[in-house]
Amino acid sequence: MATVRKQAIRLEHDGPLSIPTEIREAAHLREGDTVLVEAADGGVMIRHIDPDQAGFWTAEWLEGEREIDAEIARGTTGTVYASTEEFLAHLESVPPADSAA
């Protein structure tokens, strides 16, 4: 089992904090890395994000995810395709945007 490293640190004015070197190294965090910070179970969770996946964690992307989740909950998602083939057949039946004028 991996050793869990813990260390108390002080939150600076306006929110910045410094992650201690030992913890950064254990988490393989480097300067310039993107991390996800979330409130969880009365505390804060910081997770490393793969640079190729960082776009999925922007405020704009997450807002879109919340909107889609709300549409699904309301049952207003529009057409649901049973397969990739069905979806692609629909796309092929839609005229290009240029010819719609």
PDB file of N, CA and C in Angstrom:
ATOM      1  N   MET A   1       0.849  -1.185   0.000  1.00  0.00           N
ATOM      2  CA  MET A   1       0.000   0.000   0.000  1.00  0.00           C
ATOM      3  C   MET A   1       0.891   1.242   0.000  1.00  0.00           C
ATOM      4  N   ALA A   2       0.500   2.254  -0.760  1.00  0.00           N
ATOM      5  CA  ALA A   2       1.276   3.489  -0.857  1.00  0.00           C
ATOM      6  C   ALA A   2       1.178   4.272   0.448  1.00  0.00           C
ATOM      7  N   THR A   3       2.251   4.938   0.780  1.00  0.00           N
ATOM      8  CA  THR A   3       2.263   5.789   1.965  1.00  0.00           C
ATOM      9  C   THR A   3       1.531   7.085   1.657  1.00  0.00           C
ATOM     10  N   VAL A   4       0.609   7.464   2.523  1.00  0.00           N
ATOM     11  CA  VAL A   4      -0.108   8.722   2.357  1.00  0.00           C
ATOM     12  C   VAL A   4       0.694   9.795   3.063  1.00  0.00           C
ATOM     13  N   ARG A   5       1.057  10.807   2.307  1.00  0.00           N
ATOM     14  CA  ARG A   5       1.829  11.909   2.883  1.00  0.00           C
ATOM     15  C   ARG A   5       0.871  13.033   3.234  1.00  0.00           C
ATOM     16  N   LYS A   6       1.041  13.581   4.418  1.00  0.00           N
ATOM     17  CA  LYS A   6       0.202  14.684   4.872  1.00  0.00           C
ATOM     18  C   LYS A   6       1.084  15.750   5.479  1.00  0.00           C
ATOM     19  N   GLN A   7       0.668  16.988   5.302  1.00  0.00           N
ATOM     20  CA  GLN A   7       1.391  18.096   5.919  1.00  0.00           C
ATOM     21  C   GLN A   7       0.456  19.285   6.003  1.00  0.00           C
ATOM     22  N   ALA A   8       0.433  19.940   7.150  1.00  0.00           N
ATOM     23  CA  ALA A   8      -0.382  21.140   7.311  1.00  0.00           C
ATOM     24  C   ALA A   8       0.326  22.314   6.638  1.00  0.00           C
ATOM     25  N   ILE A   9      -0.440  23.102   5.890  1.00  0.00           N
ATOM     26  CA  ILE A   9       0.093  24.309   5.267  1.00  0.00           C
ATOM     27  C   ILE A   9      -0.892  25.442   5.498  1.00  0.00           C
ATOM     28  N   ARG A  10      -0.408  26.666   5.402  1.00  0.00           N
ATOM     29  CA  ARG A  10      -1.250  27.832   5.664  1.00  0.00           C
ATOM     30  C   ARG A  10      -1.733  28.434   4.353  1.00  0.00           C
ATOM     31  N   LEU A  11      -3.031  28.702   4.302  1.00  0.00           N
ATOM     32  CA  LEU A  11      -3.644  29.358   3.160  1.00  0.00           C
ATOM     33  C   LEU A  11      -3.253  30.830   3.177  1.00  0.00           C
ATOM     34  N   GLU A  12      -2.772  31.342   2.059  1.00  0.00           N
ATOM     35  CA  GLU A  12      -2.348  32.729   1.959  1.00  0.00           C
ATOM     36  C   GLU A  12      -3.535  33.654   1.693  1.00  0.00           C
ATOM     37  N   HIS A  13      -3.297  34.946   1.816  1.00  0.00           N
ATOM     38  CA  HIS A  13      -4.312  35.958   1.528  1.00  0.00           C
ATOM     39  C   HIS A  13      -4.837  35.742   0.110  1.00  0.00           C
ATOM     40  N   ASP A  14      -6.121  35.830  -0.099  1.00  0.00           N
ATOM     41  CA  ASP A  14      -6.783  35.643  -1.398  1.00  0.00           C
ATOM     42  C   ASP A  14      -6.732  34.213  -1.927  1.00  0.00           C
ATOM     43  N   GLY A  15      -6.302  33.239  -1.100  1.00  0.00           N
ATOM     44  CA  GLY A  15      -6.439  31.842  -1.463  1.00  0.00           C
ATOM     45  C   GLY A  15      -5.240  31.035  -1.905  1.00  0.00           C
ATOM     46  N   PRO A  16      -4.139  31.625  -2.391  1.00  0.00           N
ATOM     47  CA  PRO A  16      -3.045  30.770  -2.848  1.00  0.00           C
ATOM     48  C   PRO A  16      -2.468  29.918  -1.713  1.00  0.00           C
ATOM     49  N   LEU A  17      -1.986  28.737  -2.081  1.00  0.00           N
ATOM     50  CA  LEU A  17      -1.244  27.919  -1.138  1.00  0.00           C
ATOM     51  C   LEU A  17      -0.127  27.237  -1.885  1.00  0.00           C
ATOM     52  N   SER A  18       0.897  26.869  -1.175  1.00  0.00           N
ATOM     53  CA  SER A  18       2.036  26.172  -1.775  1.00  0.00           C
ATOM     54  C   SER A  18       1.995  24.722  -1.343  1.00  0.00           C
ATOM     55  N   ILE A  19       2.064  23.828  -2.318  1.00  0.00           N
ATOM     56  CA  ILE A  19       2.090  22.401  -2.022  1.00  0.00           C
ATOM     57  C   ILE A  19       3.538  22.044  -1.702  1.00  0.00           C
ATOM     58  N   PRO A  20       3.787  21.458  -0.546  1.00  0.00           N
ATOM     59  CA  PRO A  20       5.160  21.128  -0.163  1.00  0.00           C
ATOM     60  C   PRO A  20       5.851  20.229  -1.184  1.00  0.00           C
ATOM     61  N   THR A  21       7.157  20.395  -1.312  1.00  0.00           N
ATOM     62  CA  THR A  21       7.957  19.664  -2.287  1.00  0.00           C
ATOM     63  C   THR A  21       7.745  18.165  -2.203  1.00  0.00           C
ATOM     64  N   GLU A  22       7.784  17.590  -1.006  1.00  0.00           N
ATOM     65  CA  GLU A  22       7.639  16.141  -0.843  1.00  0.00           C
ATOM     66  C   GLU A  22       6.303  15.651  -1.419  1.00  0.00           C
ATOM     67  N   ILE A  23       5.259  16.423  -1.209  1.00  0.00           N
ATOM     68  CA  ILE A  23       3.941  16.032  -1.716  1.00  0.00           C
ATOM     69  C   ILE A  23       3.871  16.221  -3.225  1.00  0.00           C
ATOM     70  N   ARG A  24       4.419  17.339  -3.740  1.00  0.00           N
ATOM     71  CA  ARG A  24       4.454  17.542  -5.199  1.00  0.00           C
ATOM     72  C   ARG A  24       5.196  16.403  -5.879  1.00  0.00           C
ATOM     73  N   GLU A  25       6.333  16.011  -5.312  1.00  0.00           N
ATOM     74  CA  GLU A  25       7.123  14.933  -5.909  1.00  0.00           C
ATOM     75  C   GLU A  25       6.373  13.606  -5.846  1.00  0.00           C
ATOM     76  N   ALA A  26       5.743  13.312  -4.719  1.00  0.00           N
ATOM     77  CA  ALA A  26       4.990  12.058  -4.579  1.00  0.00           C
ATOM     78  C   ALA A  26       3.822  12.013  -5.556  1.00  0.00           C
ATOM     79  N   ALA A  27       3.228  13.170  -5.853  1.00  0.00           N
ATOM     80  CA  ALA A  27       2.090  13.248  -6.777  1.00  0.00           C
ATOM     81  C   ALA A  27       2.535  13.482  -8.219  1.00  0.00           C
ATOM     82  N   HIS A  28       3.841  13.569  -8.434  1.00  0.00           N
ATOM     83  CA  HIS A  28       4.406  13.804  -9.772  1.00  0.00           C
ATOM     84  C   HIS A  28       3.889  15.116 -10.367  1.00  0.00           C
ATOM     85  N   LEU A  29       3.780  16.139  -9.537  1.00  0.00           N
ATOM     86  CA  LEU A  29       3.343  17.463  -9.998  1.00  0.00           C
ATOM     87  C   LEU A  29       4.561  18.302 -10.330  1.00  0.00           C
ATOM     88  N   ARG A  30       4.476  19.004 -11.446  1.00  0.00           N
ATOM     89  CA  ARG A  30       5.561  19.874 -11.891  1.00  0.00           C
ATOM     90  C   ARG A  30       5.001  21.267 -12.155  1.00  0.00           C
ATOM     91  N   GLU A  31       5.866  22.258 -12.136  1.00  0.00           N
ATOM     92  CA  GLU A  31       5.456  23.632 -12.442  1.00  0.00           C
ATOM     93  C   GLU A  31       4.754  23.651 -13.793  1.00  0.00           C
ATOM     94  N   GLY A  32       3.615  24.329 -13.850  1.00  0.00           N
ATOM     95  CA  GLY A  32       2.852  24.444 -15.078  1.00  0.00           C
ATOM     96  C   GLY A  32       1.791  23.370 -15.253  1.00  0.00           C
ATOM     97  N   ASP A  33       1.804  22.322 -14.411  1.00  0.00           N
ATOM     98  CA  ASP A  33       0.768  21.294 -14.498  1.00  0.00           C
ATOM     99  C   ASP A  33      -0.592  21.883 -14.157  1.00  0.00           C
ATOM    100  N   THR A  34      -1.631  21.301 -14.718  1.00  0.00           N
ATOM    101  CA  THR A  34      -2.999  21.691 -14.396  1.00  0.00           C
ATOM    102  C   THR A  34      -3.533  20.706 -13.369  1.00  0.00           C
ATOM    103  N   VAL A  35      -4.173  21.240 -12.348  1.00  0.00           N
ATOM    104  CA  VAL A  35      -4.789  20.397 -11.330  1.00  0.00           C
ATOM    105  C   VAL A  35      -6.260  20.760 -11.202  1.00  0.00           C
ATOM    106  N   LEU A  36      -7.051  19.788 -10.789  1.00  0.00           N
ATOM    107  CA  LEU A  36      -8.462  19.995 -10.500  1.00  0.00           C
ATOM    108  C   LEU A  36      -8.581  20.190  -9.001  1.00  0.00           C
ATOM    109  N   VAL A  37      -9.228  21.271  -8.589  1.00  0.00           N
ATOM    110  CA  VAL A  37      -9.448  21.542  -7.172  1.00  0.00           C
ATOM    111  C   VAL A  37     -10.944  21.474  -6.935  1.00  0.00           C
ATOM    112  N   GLU A  38     -11.361  20.621  -5.997  1.00  0.00           N
ATOM    113  CA  GLU A  38     -12.791  20.486  -5.742  1.00  0.00           C
ATOM    114  C   GLU A  38     -13.063  20.355  -4.251  1.00  0.00           C
ATOM    115  N   ALA A  39     -14.215  20.888  -3.839  1.00  0.00           N
ATOM    116  CA  ALA A  39     -14.674  20.717  -2.469  1.00  0.00           C
ATOM    117  C   ALA A  39     -15.225  19.300  -2.364  1.00  0.00           C
ATOM    118  N   ALA A  40     -14.790  18.562  -1.357  1.00  0.00           N
ATOM    119  CA  ALA A  40     -15.222  17.173  -1.207  1.00  0.00           C
ATOM    120  C   ALA A  40     -15.240  16.774   0.256  1.00  0.00           C
ATOM    121  N   ASP A  41     -16.381  16.293   0.716  1.00  0.00           N
ATOM    122  CA  ASP A  41     -16.507  15.770   2.074  1.00  0.00           C
ATOM    123  C   ASP A  41     -15.954  16.713   3.135  1.00  0.00           C
ATOM    124  N   GLY A  42     -16.311  17.980   3.047  1.00  0.00           N
ATOM    125  CA  GLY A  42     -15.880  18.953   4.046  1.00  0.00           C
ATOM    126  C   GLY A  42     -14.430  19.362   3.938  1.00  0.00           C
ATOM    127  N   GLY A  43     -13.766  18.995   2.873  1.00  0.00           N
ATOM    128  CA  GLY A  43     -12.366  19.340   2.664  1.00  0.00           C
ATOM    129  C   GLY A  43     -12.133  19.750   1.227  1.00  0.00           C
ATOM    130  N   VAL A  44     -10.892  19.691   0.806  1.00  0.00           N
ATOM    131  CA  VAL A  44     -10.516  20.057  -0.558  1.00  0.00           C
ATOM    132  C   VAL A  44      -9.704  18.914  -1.141  1.00  0.00           C
ATOM    133  N   MET A  45     -10.031  18.543  -2.365  1.00  0.00           N
ATOM    134  CA  MET A  45      -9.305  17.506  -3.081  1.00  0.00           C
ATOM    135  C   MET A  45      -8.575  18.170  -4.243  1.00  0.00           C
ATOM    136  N   ILE A  46      -7.304  17.856  -4.412  1.00  0.00           N
ATOM    137  CA  ILE A  46      -6.507  18.367  -5.538  1.00  0.00           C
ATOM    138  C   ILE A  46      -6.050  17.157  -6.331  1.00  0.00           C
ATOM    139  N   ARG A  47      -6.372  17.144  -7.624  1.00  0.00           N
ATOM    140  CA  ARG A  47      -6.011  16.014  -8.478  1.00  0.00           C
ATOM    141  C   ARG A  47      -5.257  16.503  -9.702  1.00  0.00           C
ATOM    142  N   HIS A  48      -4.233  15.765 -10.059  1.00  0.00           N
ATOM    143  CA  HIS A  48      -3.477  16.060 -11.270  1.00  0.00           C
ATOM    144  C   HIS A  48      -4.339  15.744 -12.479  1.00  0.00           C
ATOM    145  N   ILE A  49      -4.290  16.595 -13.496  1.00  0.00           N
ATOM    146  CA  ILE A  49      -5.049  16.380 -14.723  1.00  0.00           C
ATOM    147  C   ILE A  49      -4.068  16.152 -15.866  1.00  0.00           C
ATOM    148  N   ASP A  50      -4.318  15.107 -16.632  1.00  0.00           N
ATOM    149  CA  ASP A  50      -3.531  14.835 -17.826  1.00  0.00           C
ATOM    150  C   ASP A  50      -3.656  16.047 -18.746  1.00  0.00           C
ATOM    151  N   PRO A  51      -2.551  16.614 -19.230  1.00  0.00           N
ATOM    152  CA  PRO A  51      -2.626  17.799 -20.095  1.00  0.00           C
ATOM    153  C   PRO A  51      -3.542  17.613 -21.301  1.00  0.00           C
ATOM    154  N   ASP A  52      -3.613  16.392 -21.823  1.00  0.00           N
ATOM    155  CA  ASP A  52      -4.484  16.132 -22.967  1.00  0.00           C
ATOM    156  C   ASP A  52      -5.958  16.176 -22.593  1.00  0.00           C
ATOM    157  N   GLN A  53      -6.262  16.113 -21.305  1.00  0.00           N
ATOM    158  CA  GLN A  53      -7.651  16.112 -20.831  1.00  0.00           C
ATOM    159  C   GLN A  53      -8.047  17.425 -20.157  1.00  0.00           C
ATOM    160  N   ALA A  54      -7.132  18.384 -20.078  1.00  0.00           N
ATOM    161  CA  ALA A  54      -7.383  19.631 -19.336  1.00  0.00           C
ATOM    162  C   ALA A  54      -8.610  20.388 -19.852  1.00  0.00           C
ATOM    163  N   GLY A  55      -8.871  20.344 -21.133  1.00  0.00           N
ATOM    164  CA  GLY A  55     -10.021  21.050 -21.697  1.00  0.00           C
ATOM    165  C   GLY A  55     -11.347  20.569 -21.153  1.00  0.00           C
ATOM    166  N   PHE A  56     -11.385  19.324 -20.697  1.00  0.00           N
ATOM    167  CA  PHE A  56     -12.622  18.773 -20.152  1.00  0.00           C
ATOM    168  C   PHE A  56     -12.910  19.268 -18.738  1.00  0.00           C
ATOM    169  N   TRP A  57     -11.985  20.012 -18.154  1.00  0.00           N
ATOM    170  CA  TRP A  57     -12.145  20.477 -16.777  1.00  0.00           C
ATOM    171  C   TRP A  57     -12.264  21.992 -16.691  1.00  0.00           C
ATOM    172  N   THR A  58     -12.416  22.675 -17.828  1.00  0.00           N
ATOM    173  CA  THR A  58     -12.600  24.130 -17.795  1.00  0.00           C
ATOM    174  C   THR A  58     -14.002  24.446 -17.293  1.00  0.00           C
ATOM    175  N   ALA A  59     -14.184  25.649 -16.775  1.00  0.00           N
ATOM    176  CA  ALA A  59     -15.499  26.066 -16.277  1.00  0.00           C
ATOM    177  C   ALA A  59     -16.545  25.969 -17.388  1.00  0.00           C
ATOM    178  N   GLU A  60     -16.177  26.348 -18.612  1.00  0.00           N
ATOM    179  CA  GLU A  60     -17.117  26.316 -19.730  1.00  0.00           C
ATOM    180  C   GLU A  60     -17.547  24.882 -20.039  1.00  0.00           C
ATOM    181  N   TRP A  61     -16.585  23.969 -20.079  1.00  0.00           N
ATOM    182  CA  TRP A  61     -16.911  22.582 -20.387  1.00  0.00           C
ATOM    183  C   TRP A  61     -17.810  21.994 -19.295  1.00  0.00           C
ATOM    184  N   LEU A  62     -17.443  22.240 -18.036  1.00  0.00           N
ATOM    185  CA  LEU A  62     -18.230  21.689 -16.931  1.00  0.00           C
ATOM    186  C   LEU A  62     -19.638  22.268 -16.906  1.00  0.00           C
ATOM    187  N   GLU A  63     -19.803  23.542 -17.281  1.00  0.00           N
ATOM    188  CA  GLU A  63     -21.136  24.129 -17.364  1.00  0.00           C
ATOM    189  C   GLU A  63     -21.958  23.409 -18.434  1.00  0.00           C
ATOM    190  N   GLY A  64     -21.340  23.120 -19.569  1.00  0.00           N
ATOM    191  CA  GLY A  64     -22.022  22.367 -20.614  1.00  0.00           C
ATOM    192  C   GLY A  64     -22.437  20.979 -20.134  1.00  0.00           C
ATOM    193  N   GLU A  65     -21.574  20.338 -19.363  1.00  0.00           N
ATOM    194  CA  GLU A  65     -21.912  19.028 -18.797  1.00  0.00           C
ATOM    195  C   GLU A  65     -23.121  19.140 -17.866  1.00  0.00           C
ATOM    196  N   ARG A  66     -23.156  20.194 -17.044  1.00  0.00           N
ATOM    197  CA  ARG A  66     -24.304  20.393 -16.145  1.00  0.00           C
ATOM    198  C   ARG A  66     -25.584  20.624 -16.941  1.00  0.00           C
ATOM    199  N   GLU A  67     -25.496  21.387 -18.035  1.00  0.00           N
ATOM    200  CA  GLU A  67     -26.671  21.633 -18.877  1.00  0.00           C
ATOM    201  C   GLU A  67     -27.191  20.335 -19.490  1.00  0.00           C
ATOM    202  N   ILE A  68     -26.283  19.511 -19.984  1.00  0.00           N
ATOM    203  CA  ILE A  68     -26.690  18.234 -20.574  1.00  0.00           C
ATOM    204  C   ILE A  68     -27.301  17.326 -19.512  1.00  0.00           C
ATOM    205  N   ASP A  69     -26.692  17.289 -18.329  1.00  0.00           N
ATOM    206  CA  ASP A  69     -27.249  16.472 -17.247  1.00  0.00           C
ATOM    207  C   ASP A  69     -28.668  16.923 -16.913  1.00  0.00           C
ATOM    208  N   ALA A  70     -28.901  18.247 -16.896  1.00  0.00           N
ATOM    209  CA  ALA A  70     -30.242  18.770 -16.608  1.00  0.00           C
ATOM    210  C   ALA A  70     -31.214  18.383 -17.722  1.00  0.00           C
ATOM    211  N   GLU A  71     -30.775  18.446 -18.984  1.00  0.00           N
ATOM    212  CA  GLU A  71     -31.636  18.046 -20.104  1.00  0.00           C
ATOM    213  C   GLU A  71     -31.994  16.570 -20.008  1.00  0.00           C
ATOM    214  N   ILE A  72     -31.029  15.755 -19.665  1.00  0.00           N
ATOM    215  CA  ILE A  72     -31.293  14.320 -19.518  1.00  0.00           C
ATOM    216  C   ILE A  72     -32.313  14.095 -18.401  1.00  0.00           C
ATOM    217  N   ALA A  73     -32.138  14.797 -17.269  1.00  0.00           N
ATOM    218  CA  ALA A  73     -33.070  14.652 -16.147  1.00  0.00           C
ATOM    219  C   ALA A  73     -34.484  15.078 -16.543  1.00  0.00           C
ATOM    220  N   ARG A  74     -34.597  16.101 -17.403  1.00  0.00           N
ATOM    221  CA  ARG A  74     -35.918  16.577 -17.859  1.00  0.00           C
ATOM    222  C   ARG A  74     -36.470  15.730 -19.003  1.00  0.00           C
ATOM    223  N   GLY A  75     -35.618  14.911 -19.591  1.00  0.00           N
ATOM    224  CA  GLY A  75     -36.057  14.111 -20.735  1.00  0.00           C
ATOM    225  C   GLY A  75     -36.130  14.914 -22.017  1.00  0.00           C
ATOM    226  N   THR A  76     -35.341  15.985 -22.121  1.00  0.00           N
ATOM    227  CA  THR A  76     -35.397  16.870 -23.290  1.00  0.00           C
ATOM    228  C   THR A  76     -34.100  16.856 -24.086  1.00  0.00           C
ATOM    229  N   THR A  77     -33.515  15.685 -24.253  1.00  0.00           N
ATOM    230  CA  THR A  77     -32.222  15.613 -24.938  1.00  0.00           C
ATOM    231  C   THR A  77     -32.327  15.569 -26.449  1.00  0.00           C
ATOM    232  N   GLY A  78     -33.530  15.495 -26.998  1.00  0.00           N
ATOM    233  CA  GLY A  78     -33.656  15.400 -28.450  1.00  0.00           C
ATOM    234  C   GLY A  78     -33.538  13.964 -28.899  1.00  0.00           C
ATOM    235  N   THR A  79     -33.035  13.770 -30.092  1.00  0.00           N
ATOM    236  CA  THR A  79     -32.957  12.429 -30.657  1.00  0.00           C
ATOM    237  C   THR A  79     -31.833  11.637 -30.015  1.00  0.00           C
ATOM    238  N   VAL A  80     -32.140  10.415 -29.650  1.00  0.00           N
ATOM    239  CA  VAL A  80     -31.132   9.493 -29.131  1.00  0.00           C
ATOM    240  C   VAL A  80     -30.992   8.380 -30.158  1.00  0.00           C
ATOM    241  N   TYR A  81     -29.771   8.141 -30.599  1.00  0.00           N
ATOM    242  CA  TYR A  81     -29.514   7.124 -31.607  1.00  0.00           C
ATOM    243  C   TYR A  81     -29.090   5.834 -30.928  1.00  0.00           C
ATOM    244  N   ALA A  82     -29.612   4.727 -31.413  1.00  0.00           N
ATOM    245  CA  ALA A  82     -29.353   3.423 -30.811  1.00  0.00           C
ATOM    246  C   ALA A  82     -27.974   2.878 -31.159  1.00  0.00           C
ATOM    247  N   SER A  83     -27.369   3.417 -32.216  1.00  0.00           N
ATOM    248  CA  SER A  83     -26.059   2.913 -32.635  1.00  0.00           C
ATOM    249  C   SER A  83     -25.298   4.002 -33.367  1.00  0.00           C
ATOM    250  N   THR A  84     -24.024   3.777 -33.506  1.00  0.00           N
ATOM    251  CA  THR A  84     -23.179   4.689 -34.283  1.00  0.00           C
ATOM    252  C   THR A  84     -23.640   4.708 -35.731  1.00  0.00           C
ATOM    253  N   GLU A  85     -23.989   3.547 -36.258  1.00  0.00           N
ATOM    254  CA  GLU A  85     -24.425   3.452 -37.642  1.00  0.00           C
ATOM    255  C   GLU A  85     -25.689   4.285 -37.879  1.00  0.00           C
ATOM    256  N   GLU A  86     -26.623   4.222 -36.923  1.00  0.00           N
ATOM    257  CA  GLU A  86     -27.859   5.001 -37.041  1.00  0.00           C
ATOM    258  C   GLU A  86     -27.550   6.499 -37.025  1.00  0.00           C
ATOM    259  N   PHE A  87     -26.650   6.906 -36.161  1.00  0.00           N
ATOM    260  CA  PHE A  87     -26.259   8.313 -36.083  1.00  0.00           C
ATOM    261  C   PHE A  87     -25.596   8.766 -37.380  1.00  0.00           C
ATOM    262  N   LEU A  88     -24.667   7.960 -37.900  1.00  0.00           N
ATOM    263  CA  LEU A  88     -23.967   8.329 -39.136  1.00  0.00           C
ATOM    264  C   LEU A  88     -24.922   8.376 -40.324  1.00  0.00           C
ATOM    265  N   ALA A  89     -25.887   7.467 -40.365  1.00  0.00           N
ATOM    266  CA  ALA A  89     -26.890   7.493 -41.442  1.00  0.00           C
ATOM    267  C   ALA A  89     -27.691   8.795 -41.376  1.00  0.00           C
ATOM    268  N   HIS A  90     -28.028   9.230 -40.180  1.00  0.00           N
ATOM    269  CA  HIS A  90     -28.746  10.504 -40.040  1.00  0.00           C
ATOM    270  C   HIS A  90     -27.880  11.657 -40.555  1.00  0.00           C
ATOM    271  N   LEU A  91     -26.600  11.678 -40.158  1.00  0.00           N
ATOM    272  CA  LEU A  91     -25.704  12.758 -40.610  1.00  0.00           C
ATOM    273  C   LEU A  91     -25.625  12.810 -42.134  1.00  0.00           C
ATOM    274  N   GLU A  92     -25.556  11.647 -42.758  1.00  0.00           N
ATOM    275  CA  GLU A  92     -25.477  11.607 -44.224  1.00  0.00           C
ATOM    276  C   GLU A  92     -26.762  12.103 -44.881  1.00  0.00           C
ATOM    277  N   SER A  93     -27.888  12.037 -44.175  1.00  0.00           N
ATOM    278  CA  SER A  93     -29.158  12.488 -44.742  1.00  0.00           C
ATOM    279  C   SER A  93     -29.380  13.996 -44.589  1.00  0.00           C
ATOM    280  N   VAL A  94     -28.560  14.645 -43.770  1.00  0.00           N
ATOM    281  CA  VAL A  94     -28.720  16.108 -43.541  1.00  0.00           C
ATOM    282  C   VAL A  94     -27.954  16.857 -44.618  1.00  0.00           C
ATOM    283  N   PRO A  95     -28.604  17.785 -45.322  1.00  0.00           N
ATOM    284  CA  PRO A  95     -27.890  18.531 -46.363  1.00  0.00           C
ATOM    285  C   PRO A  95     -26.809  19.432 -45.755  1.00  0.00           C
ATOM    286  N   PRO A  96     -25.740  19.668 -46.500  1.00  0.00           N
ATOM    287  CA  PRO A  96     -24.687  20.561 -45.997  1.00  0.00           C
ATOM    288  C   PRO A  96     -25.264  21.949 -45.678  1.00  0.00           C
ATOM    289  N   ALA A  97     -24.667  22.636 -44.755  1.00  0.00           N
ATOM    290  CA  ALA A  97     -25.143  23.950 -44.317  1.00  0.00           C
ATOM    291  C   ALA A  97     -25.212  24.928 -45.478  1.00  0.00           C
ATOM    292  N   ASP A  98     -24.288  24.860 -46.432  1.00  0.00           N
ATOM    293  CA  ASP A  98     -24.263  25.786 -47.577  1.00  0.00           C
ATOM    294  C   ASP A  98     -25.516  25.651 -48.444  1.00  0.00           C
ATOM    295  N   SER A  99     -26.039  24.424 -48.601  1.00  0.00           N
ATOM    296  CA  SER A  99     -27.193  24.206 -49.480  1.00  0.00           C
ATOM    297  C   SER A  99     -28.531  24.460 -48.796  1.00  0.00           C
ATOM    298  N   ALA A 100     -28.512  24.729 -47.478  1.00  0.00           N
ATOM    299  CA  ALA A 100     -29.751  24.952 -46.740  1.00  0.00           C
ATOM    300  C   ALA A 100     -30.322  26.333 -46.984  1.00  0.00           C
ATOM    301  N   ALA A 101     -29.573  27.223 -47.608  1.00  0.00           N
ATOM    302  CA  ALA A 101     -30.022  28.622 -47.795  1.00  0.00           C
ATOM    303  C   ALA A 101     -31.073  28.768 -48.839  1.00  0.00           C
TER     304      ALA A 101
END
